[in-house]
């Protein structure tokens, strides 16, 4: 069963964020994680307004692949960079 990861980020430092994205993108490519889409928040049509943020949707082949990605040593090395660059929320859904 496929796993969908919806990540939102409020960017604190553009330069650090680009560095994080480049490193994370390389890992995703190596691990065959599919980038479904990316976007910038425009408005809320129903519900509470949100802060300005960006969103990305990723697909993993299964829960094991997701867990491997977030627990591998290469990703662990960029967590502090991510946390300096942005405030990120990572939500996981099954397909």
C-alpha atoms as a PDB file:
ATOM      1  CA  UNK A   1       0.000   0.000   0.000  1.00  0.00           C
ATOM      2  CA  UNK A   2       1.388   3.407  -0.993  1.00  0.00           C
ATOM      3  CA  UNK A   3       2.109   6.044   1.606  1.00  0.00           C
ATOM      4  CA  UNK A   4       1.575   9.771   1.062  1.00  0.00           C
ATOM      5  CA  UNK A   5       3.623  12.345   2.968  1.00  0.00           C
ATOM      6  CA  UNK A   6       2.271  15.900   3.047  1.00  0.00           C
ATOM      7  CA  UNK A   7       4.872  18.289   4.412  1.00  0.00           C
ATOM      8  CA  UNK A   8       4.274  21.965   5.118  1.00  0.00           C
ATOM      9  CA  UNK A   9       6.980  24.451   6.012  1.00  0.00           C
ATOM     10  CA  UNK A  10       7.149  27.993   7.308  1.00  0.00           C
ATOM     11  CA  UNK A  11      10.534  29.120   6.058  1.00  0.00           C
ATOM     12  CA  UNK A  12      12.748  30.962   8.556  1.00  0.00           C
ATOM     13  CA  UNK A  13      15.924  31.198   6.446  1.00  0.00           C
ATOM     14  CA  UNK A  14      15.713  30.965   2.637  1.00  0.00           C
ATOM     15  CA  UNK A  15      19.393  30.096   2.143  1.00  0.00           C
ATOM     16  CA  UNK A  16      19.376  27.293   4.710  1.00  0.00           C
ATOM     17  CA  UNK A  17      16.044  26.055   3.376  1.00  0.00           C
ATOM     18  CA  UNK A  18      17.403  25.749  -0.176  1.00  0.00           C
ATOM     19  CA  UNK A  19      20.397  23.846   1.206  1.00  0.00           C
ATOM     20  CA  UNK A  20      18.081  21.486   3.108  1.00  0.00           C
ATOM     21  CA  UNK A  21      15.843  20.968   0.058  1.00  0.00           C
ATOM     22  CA  UNK A  22      18.837  20.142  -2.154  1.00  0.00           C
ATOM     23  CA  UNK A  23      20.132  17.551   0.308  1.00  0.00           C
ATOM     24  CA  UNK A  24      16.700  16.035   0.957  1.00  0.00           C
ATOM     25  CA  UNK A  25      15.963  15.917  -2.794  1.00  0.00           C
ATOM     26  CA  UNK A  26      19.159  13.950  -3.421  1.00  0.00           C
ATOM     27  CA  UNK A  27      18.166  11.413  -0.752  1.00  0.00           C
ATOM     28  CA  UNK A  28      14.669  11.136  -2.201  1.00  0.00           C
ATOM     29  CA  UNK A  29      16.093  10.505  -5.654  1.00  0.00           C
ATOM     30  CA  UNK A  30      18.435   7.818  -4.297  1.00  0.00           C
ATOM     31  CA  UNK A  31      15.572   6.133  -2.449  1.00  0.00           C
ATOM     32  CA  UNK A  32      13.051   6.477  -5.292  1.00  0.00           C
ATOM     33  CA  UNK A  33      10.631   8.709  -3.407  1.00  0.00           C
ATOM     34  CA  UNK A  34       8.153  10.304  -5.823  1.00  0.00           C
ATOM     35  CA  UNK A  35       7.613  14.059  -5.635  1.00  0.00           C
ATOM     36  CA  UNK A  36       3.901  14.402  -6.434  1.00  0.00           C
ATOM     37  CA  UNK A  37       3.650  18.196  -6.249  1.00  0.00           C
ATOM     38  CA  UNK A  38       4.859  21.362  -4.534  1.00  0.00           C
ATOM     39  CA  UNK A  39       3.105  24.665  -3.957  1.00  0.00           C
ATOM     40  CA  UNK A  40       2.882  27.951  -2.074  1.00  0.00           C
ATOM     41  CA  UNK A  41      -0.073  28.835   0.145  1.00  0.00           C
ATOM     42  CA  UNK A  42      -2.396  31.373  -1.464  1.00  0.00           C
ATOM     43  CA  UNK A  43      -5.549  31.502   0.651  1.00  0.00           C
ATOM     44  CA  UNK A  44      -8.044  29.547   2.722  1.00  0.00           C
ATOM     45  CA  UNK A  45     -11.497  29.220   1.175  1.00  0.00           C
ATOM     46  CA  UNK A  46     -13.076  27.452   4.165  1.00  0.00           C
ATOM     47  CA  UNK A  47     -11.800  27.072   7.701  1.00  0.00           C
ATOM     48  CA  UNK A  48      -9.125  28.953   9.591  1.00  0.00           C
ATOM     49  CA  UNK A  49      -6.577  31.054   7.735  1.00  0.00           C
ATOM     50  CA  UNK A  50      -3.052  29.682   7.874  1.00  0.00           C
ATOM     51  CA  UNK A  51       0.310  31.365   8.054  1.00  0.00           C
ATOM     52  CA  UNK A  52       2.251  31.856   4.828  1.00  0.00           C
ATOM     53  CA  UNK A  53       3.847  28.479   4.068  1.00  0.00           C
ATOM     54  CA  UNK A  54       4.791  26.028   1.352  1.00  0.00           C
ATOM     55  CA  UNK A  55       3.637  22.448   0.826  1.00  0.00           C
ATOM     56  CA  UNK A  56       5.056  19.350  -0.819  1.00  0.00           C
ATOM     57  CA  UNK A  57       3.450  15.965  -1.398  1.00  0.00           C
ATOM     58  CA  UNK A  58       5.592  12.833  -1.660  1.00  0.00           C
ATOM     59  CA  UNK A  59       4.734   9.190  -2.347  1.00  0.00           C
ATOM     60  CA  UNK A  60       6.599   6.234  -0.836  1.00  0.00           C
ATOM     61  CA  UNK A  61       6.040   2.691  -2.060  1.00  0.00           C
ATOM     62  CA  UNK A  62       5.145   1.533   1.468  1.00  0.00           C
ATOM     63  CA  UNK A  63       5.466   2.336   5.183  1.00  0.00           C
ATOM     64  CA  UNK A  64       8.828   0.567   5.359  1.00  0.00           C
ATOM     65  CA  UNK A  65      10.279   2.900   2.696  1.00  0.00           C
ATOM     66  CA  UNK A  66       8.962   5.947   4.577  1.00  0.00           C
ATOM     67  CA  UNK A  67      10.448   4.767   7.857  1.00  0.00           C
ATOM     68  CA  UNK A  68      13.756   4.003   6.185  1.00  0.00           C
ATOM     69  CA  UNK A  69      13.933   7.486   4.675  1.00  0.00           C
ATOM     70  CA  UNK A  70      13.325   9.352   7.929  1.00  0.00           C
ATOM     71  CA  UNK A  71      15.503   7.017  10.018  1.00  0.00           C
ATOM     72  CA  UNK A  72      18.509   6.633   7.711  1.00  0.00           C
ATOM     73  CA  UNK A  73      21.774   8.212   8.815  1.00  0.00           C
ATOM     74  CA  UNK A  74      21.878  10.514   5.787  1.00  0.00           C
ATOM     75  CA  UNK A  75      18.538  12.099   6.715  1.00  0.00           C
ATOM     76  CA  UNK A  76      19.405  12.306  10.407  1.00  0.00           C
ATOM     77  CA  UNK A  77      22.443  14.409   9.419  1.00  0.00           C
ATOM     78  CA  UNK A  78      20.236  17.115   7.868  1.00  0.00           C
ATOM     79  CA  UNK A  79      17.551  17.324  10.587  1.00  0.00           C
ATOM     80  CA  UNK A  80      19.325  20.156  12.419  1.00  0.00           C
ATOM     81  CA  UNK A  81      19.626  22.038   9.116  1.00  0.00           C
ATOM     82  CA  UNK A  82      15.890  21.530   8.483  1.00  0.00           C
ATOM     83  CA  UNK A  83      15.016  22.802  11.949  1.00  0.00           C
ATOM     84  CA  UNK A  84      17.160  25.928  11.510  1.00  0.00           C
ATOM     85  CA  UNK A  85      15.716  26.570   8.051  1.00  0.00           C
ATOM     86  CA  UNK A  86      12.011  26.136   8.746  1.00  0.00           C
ATOM     87  CA  UNK A  87       9.174  25.015  10.960  1.00  0.00           C
ATOM     88  CA  UNK A  88       8.002  21.814   9.288  1.00  0.00           C
ATOM     89  CA  UNK A  89       4.925  19.667   9.758  1.00  0.00           C
ATOM     90  CA  UNK A  90       5.018  16.164   8.296  1.00  0.00           C
ATOM     91  CA  UNK A  91       1.721  14.280   7.941  1.00  0.00           C
ATOM     92  CA  UNK A  92       1.441  10.693   6.729  1.00  0.00           C
ATOM     93  CA  UNK A  93      -1.539   9.104   4.907  1.00  0.00           C
ATOM     94  CA  UNK A  94      -2.135   5.662   3.428  1.00  0.00           C
ATOM     95  CA  UNK A  95      -3.455   5.410  -0.132  1.00  0.00           C
END
